[in-house]
Structure formats: C-alpha cells, structure tokens
C-alpha atoms as a PDB file:
ATOM      1  CA  GLN A   1      10.129 -11.321  -0.731  1.00  0.00           C
ATOM      2  CA  PRO A   2       9.592 -15.068  -0.509  1.00  0.00           C
ATOM      3  CA  PRO A   3       5.968 -16.289  -0.707  1.00  0.00           C
ATOM      4  CA  CYS A   4       6.036 -17.614   2.871  1.00  0.00           C
ATOM      5  CA  GLU A   5       6.868 -14.121   4.163  1.00  0.00           C
ATOM      6  CA  ARG A   6       4.051 -12.614   2.099  1.00  0.00           C
ATOM      7  CA  ILE A   7       1.623 -15.118   3.580  1.00  0.00           C
ATOM      8  CA  ARG A   8       2.877 -14.297   7.083  1.00  0.00           C
ATOM      9  CA  VAL A   9       2.464 -10.565   6.433  1.00  0.00           C
ATOM     10  CA  ALA A  10      -1.080 -11.177   5.199  1.00  0.00           C
ATOM     11  CA  GLN A  11      -1.850 -13.157   8.345  1.00  0.00           C
ATOM     12  CA  LEU A  12      -0.444 -10.424  10.566  1.00  0.00           C
ATOM     13  CA  VAL A  13      -2.405  -7.736   8.775  1.00  0.00           C
ATOM     14  CA  GLN A  14      -5.582  -9.616   9.677  1.00  0.00           C
ATOM     15  CA  ALA A  15      -4.499 -10.673  13.163  1.00  0.00           C
ATOM     16  CA  PRO A  16      -4.456  -8.655  16.397  1.00  0.00           C
ATOM     17  CA  GLN A  17      -0.751  -9.300  17.122  1.00  0.00           C
ATOM     18  CA  ARG A  18       0.376  -5.693  16.804  1.00  0.00           C
ATOM     19  CA  ASP A  19       3.769  -6.248  18.435  1.00  0.00           C
ATOM     20  CA  GLU A  20       4.581  -9.114  16.107  1.00  0.00           C
ATOM     21  CA  ALA A  21       3.562  -7.023  13.108  1.00  0.00           C
ATOM     22  CA  ARG A  22       5.865  -4.207  14.226  1.00  0.00           C
ATOM     23  CA  VAL A  23       8.768  -6.642  14.558  1.00  0.00           C
ATOM     24  CA  LEU A  24       8.078  -8.091  11.127  1.00  0.00           C
ATOM     25  CA  HIS A  25       7.860  -4.561   9.739  1.00  0.00           C
ATOM     26  CA  ARG A  26      11.350  -3.815  11.072  1.00  0.00           C
ATOM     27  CA  VAL A  27      12.800  -7.157   9.913  1.00  0.00           C
ATOM     28  CA  LEU A  28      11.412  -6.782   6.382  1.00  0.00           C
ATOM     29  CA  GLY A  29      12.784  -3.263   6.195  1.00  0.00           C
ATOM     30  CA  ARG A  30      16.244  -4.451   7.194  1.00  0.00           C
ATOM     31  CA  ARG A  31      16.368  -7.618   5.124  1.00  0.00           C
ATOM     32  CA  THR A  32      15.188  -6.137   1.877  1.00  0.00           C
ATOM     33  CA  ALA A  33      16.721  -3.114   0.273  1.00  0.00           C
ATOM     34  CA  PRO A  34      15.254  -0.045   1.970  1.00  0.00           C
ATOM     35  CA  GLU A  35      14.159   1.223  -1.428  1.00  0.00           C
ATOM     36  CA  ASP A  36      12.487  -1.997  -2.567  1.00  0.00           C
ATOM     37  CA  PRO A  37       9.069  -0.806  -3.824  1.00  0.00           C
ATOM     38  CA  ASP A  38       7.286  -4.074  -3.021  1.00  0.00           C
ATOM     39  CA  ALA A  39       8.546  -4.045   0.568  1.00  0.00           C
ATOM     40  CA  LEU A  40       7.611  -0.387   0.951  1.00  0.00           C
ATOM     41  CA  VAL A  41       4.040  -1.040  -0.183  1.00  0.00           C
ATOM     42  CA  TRP A  42       3.741  -4.085   2.084  1.00  0.00           C
ATOM     43  CA  MET A  43       4.946  -1.970   4.992  1.00  0.00           C
ATOM     44  CA  ALA A  44       2.413   0.743   4.068  1.00  0.00           C
ATOM     45  CA  GLU A  45      -0.377  -1.842   4.122  1.00  0.00           C
ATOM     46  CA  VAL A  46       0.768  -3.153   7.503  1.00  0.00           C
ATOM     47  CA  ARG A  47       0.823   0.390   8.897  1.00  0.00           C
ATOM     48  CA  LEU A  48      -2.717   0.954   7.660  1.00  0.00           C
ATOM     49  CA  ALA A  49      -4.091  -2.331   8.918  1.00  0.00           C
ATOM     50  CA  GLN A  50      -2.399  -2.421  12.279  1.00  0.00           C
ATOM     51  CA  ALA A  51      -2.085   1.200  13.370  1.00  0.00           C
ATOM     52  CA  PHE A  52      -4.291   3.237  11.019  1.00  0.00           C
ATOM     53  CA  ASP A  53      -1.162   5.301  10.420  1.00  0.00           C
ATOM     54  CA  PHE A  54      -2.291   7.091   7.255  1.00  0.00           C
ATOM     55  CA  VAL A  55       0.597   9.573   7.231  1.00  0.00           C
ATOM     56  CA  GLU A  56       3.233   6.837   7.333  1.00  0.00           C
ATOM     57  CA  ALA A  57       1.358   4.717   4.786  1.00  0.00           C
ATOM     58  CA  GLU A  58       1.281   7.675   2.391  1.00  0.00           C
ATOM     59  CA  ARG A  59       4.998   8.268   2.947  1.00  0.00           C
ATOM     60  CA  LEU A  60       5.854   4.634   2.260  1.00  0.00           C
ATOM     61  CA  ALA A  61       3.647   4.450  -0.831  1.00  0.00           C
ATOM     62  CA  ALA A  62       5.147   7.671  -2.198  1.00  0.00           C
ATOM     63  CA  ALA A  63       8.633   6.268  -1.555  1.00  0.00           C
ATOM     64  CA  ALA A  64       7.694   3.123  -3.490  1.00  0.00           C
ATOM     65  CA  LEU A  65       6.522   5.259  -6.418  1.00  0.00           C
ATOM     66  CA  ALA A  66       9.750   7.254  -6.356  1.00  0.00           C
ATOM     67  CA  VAL A  67      11.587   3.978  -7.019  1.00  0.00           C
ATOM     68  CA  ASN A  68       9.025   2.386  -9.348  1.00  0.00           C
ATOM     69  CA  PRO A  69       6.371   4.701 -10.810  1.00  0.00           C
ATOM     70  CA  ARG A  70       4.534   1.639 -12.171  1.00  0.00           C
ATOM     71  CA  GLN A  71       3.848   0.180  -8.706  1.00  0.00           C
ATOM     72  CA  ALA A  72       0.050  -0.135  -8.959  1.00  0.00           C
ATOM     73  CA  ARG A  73      -0.404  -1.224  -5.353  1.00  0.00           C
ATOM     74  CA  ALA A  74       1.173   2.045  -4.153  1.00  0.00           C
ATOM     75  CA  TYR A  75      -1.395   4.025  -6.142  1.00  0.00           C
ATOM     76  CA  PHE A  76      -4.089   1.834  -4.577  1.00  0.00           C
ATOM     77  CA  VAL A  77      -2.837   2.673  -1.082  1.00  0.00           C
ATOM     78  CA  LEU A  78      -2.659   6.398  -1.880  1.00  0.00           C
ATOM     79  CA  ALA A  79      -6.135   6.386  -3.431  1.00  0.00           C
ATOM     80  CA  GLY A  80      -7.508   4.516  -0.408  1.00  0.00           C
ATOM     81  CA  VAL A  81      -6.084   7.126   1.954  1.00  0.00           C
ATOM     82  CA  ALA A  82      -7.645   9.890  -0.182  1.00  0.00           C
ATOM     83  CA  LEU A  83     -10.994   8.073  -0.043  1.00  0.00           C
ATOM     84  CA  ARG A  84     -10.712   7.816   3.727  1.00  0.00           C
ATOM     85  CA  ASP A  85     -10.307  11.619   3.787  1.00  0.00           C
ATOM     86  CA  VAL A  86     -13.328  11.885   1.422  1.00  0.00           C
ATOM     87  CA  ASP A  87     -11.147  13.641  -1.143  1.00  0.00           C
ATOM     88  CA  LEU A  88     -12.784  12.096  -4.186  1.00  0.00           C
ATOM     89  CA  ASP A  89     -10.915  14.237  -6.707  1.00  0.00           C
ATOM     90  CA  LEU A  90      -7.530  13.253  -5.296  1.00  0.00           C
ATOM     91  CA  ALA A  91      -8.588   9.596  -5.121  1.00  0.00           C
ATOM     92  CA  ALA A  92      -9.713   9.678  -8.754  1.00  0.00           C
ATOM     93  CA  GLN A  93      -6.437  11.334  -9.755  1.00  0.00           C
ATOM     94  CA  ARG A  94      -4.370   8.684  -7.962  1.00  0.00           C
ATOM     95  CA  ILE A  95      -6.450   5.895  -9.467  1.00  0.00           C
ATOM     96  CA  ALA A  96      -6.043   7.366 -12.959  1.00  0.00           C
ATOM     97  CA  SER A  97      -2.268   7.583 -12.467  1.00  0.00           C
ATOM     98  CA  GLY A  98      -2.177   3.956 -11.357  1.00  0.00           C
ATOM     99  CA  LEU A  99      -4.260   2.838 -14.323  1.00  0.00           C
ATOM    100  CA  VAL A 100      -1.867   4.615 -16.687  1.00  0.00           C
ATOM    101  CA  ALA A 101       0.930   2.537 -15.193  1.00  0.00           C
ATOM    102  CA  ARG A 102      -1.089  -0.726 -15.137  1.00  0.00           C
ATOM    103  CA  PRO A 103      -4.308  -0.422 -17.173  1.00  0.00           C
ATOM    104  CA  GLY A 104      -5.802  -3.768 -16.168  1.00  0.00           C
ATOM    105  CA  ASP A 105      -5.199  -3.632 -12.428  1.00  0.00           C
ATOM    106  CA  LEU A 106      -8.381  -5.038 -10.862  1.00  0.00           C
ATOM    107  CA  ASP A 107      -7.923  -3.357  -7.487  1.00  0.00           C
ATOM    108  CA  LEU A 108      -7.600   0.061  -9.093  1.00  0.00           C
ATOM    109  CA  LEU A 109     -10.516  -0.611 -11.434  1.00  0.00           C
ATOM    110  CA  SER A 110     -12.655  -1.622  -8.452  1.00  0.00           C
ATOM    111  CA  LEU A 111     -11.627   1.467  -6.554  1.00  0.00           C
ATOM    112  CA  ARG A 112     -12.480   3.626  -9.565  1.00  0.00           C
ATOM    113  CA  ALA A 113     -15.984   2.142  -9.574  1.00  0.00           C
ATOM    114  CA  ALA A 114     -16.340   2.916  -5.856  1.00  0.00           C
ATOM    115  CA  VAL A 115     -15.247   6.517  -6.352  1.00  0.00           C
ATOM    116  CA  SER A 116     -17.758   7.050  -9.134  1.00  0.00           C
ATOM    117  CA  PHE A 117     -20.674   6.266  -6.789  1.00  0.00           C
END
C-alpha cells in the first residue's frame, strides 16, 4: 500500500466522512490481494473507527493473522476489542501472542501496561 494511501486512510479514520471511508475500504480490498495482511488490518481499523463494527474488525484481524501470524497490529486490534468487552484475560492473551511475534512492538507493550492496571 503506497504511503499516500496510508495517509489518506489515516485521515479518513479521523474524519466524519463515513461514505468516503466505505468507498476507500472497498477500493483497497479490490486493489490489493484480498489476503494481504496489511490491508486486512487497515480495513479492520477503519471498521472500528468509522462504524464501531467490532465483529467485522475481529474477523479481518483474524484473517490477517491466518496469512501472517507475525502481524503485530492484528494482535493489537484483537486485544483492543477484548479490552472493550472488559475481557482482561483474553486481552492479555492476545497481547502476549503479539509480543511473541514482535517482542518490541510499542503499541502492544503500551496495551499490556494498560491491561495490568
């Protein structure tokens, strides 16, 4: 995914243009391989930010992990959904799995600190 598209996705995640985000979600899904783990995680983050669609975000993150079990951002998404559900044990488990894959991931380390409080 070119950097300009990543920047645009980041802008849409923070902006209220829900229709534009949905269109971009479809375009990214078509243009990249449907099993591209980075695209799947980006789509999961868009679904969370724009529609609070936790079920779809979990599905997309799990699909990313099926392709690349070392995709730390997917573990971050899954742990965040578990935290939202106040399932601290599941969140800790997902964080631990992500840190096995990428021990120095700052997002996962930060989330681990949040879970421990």
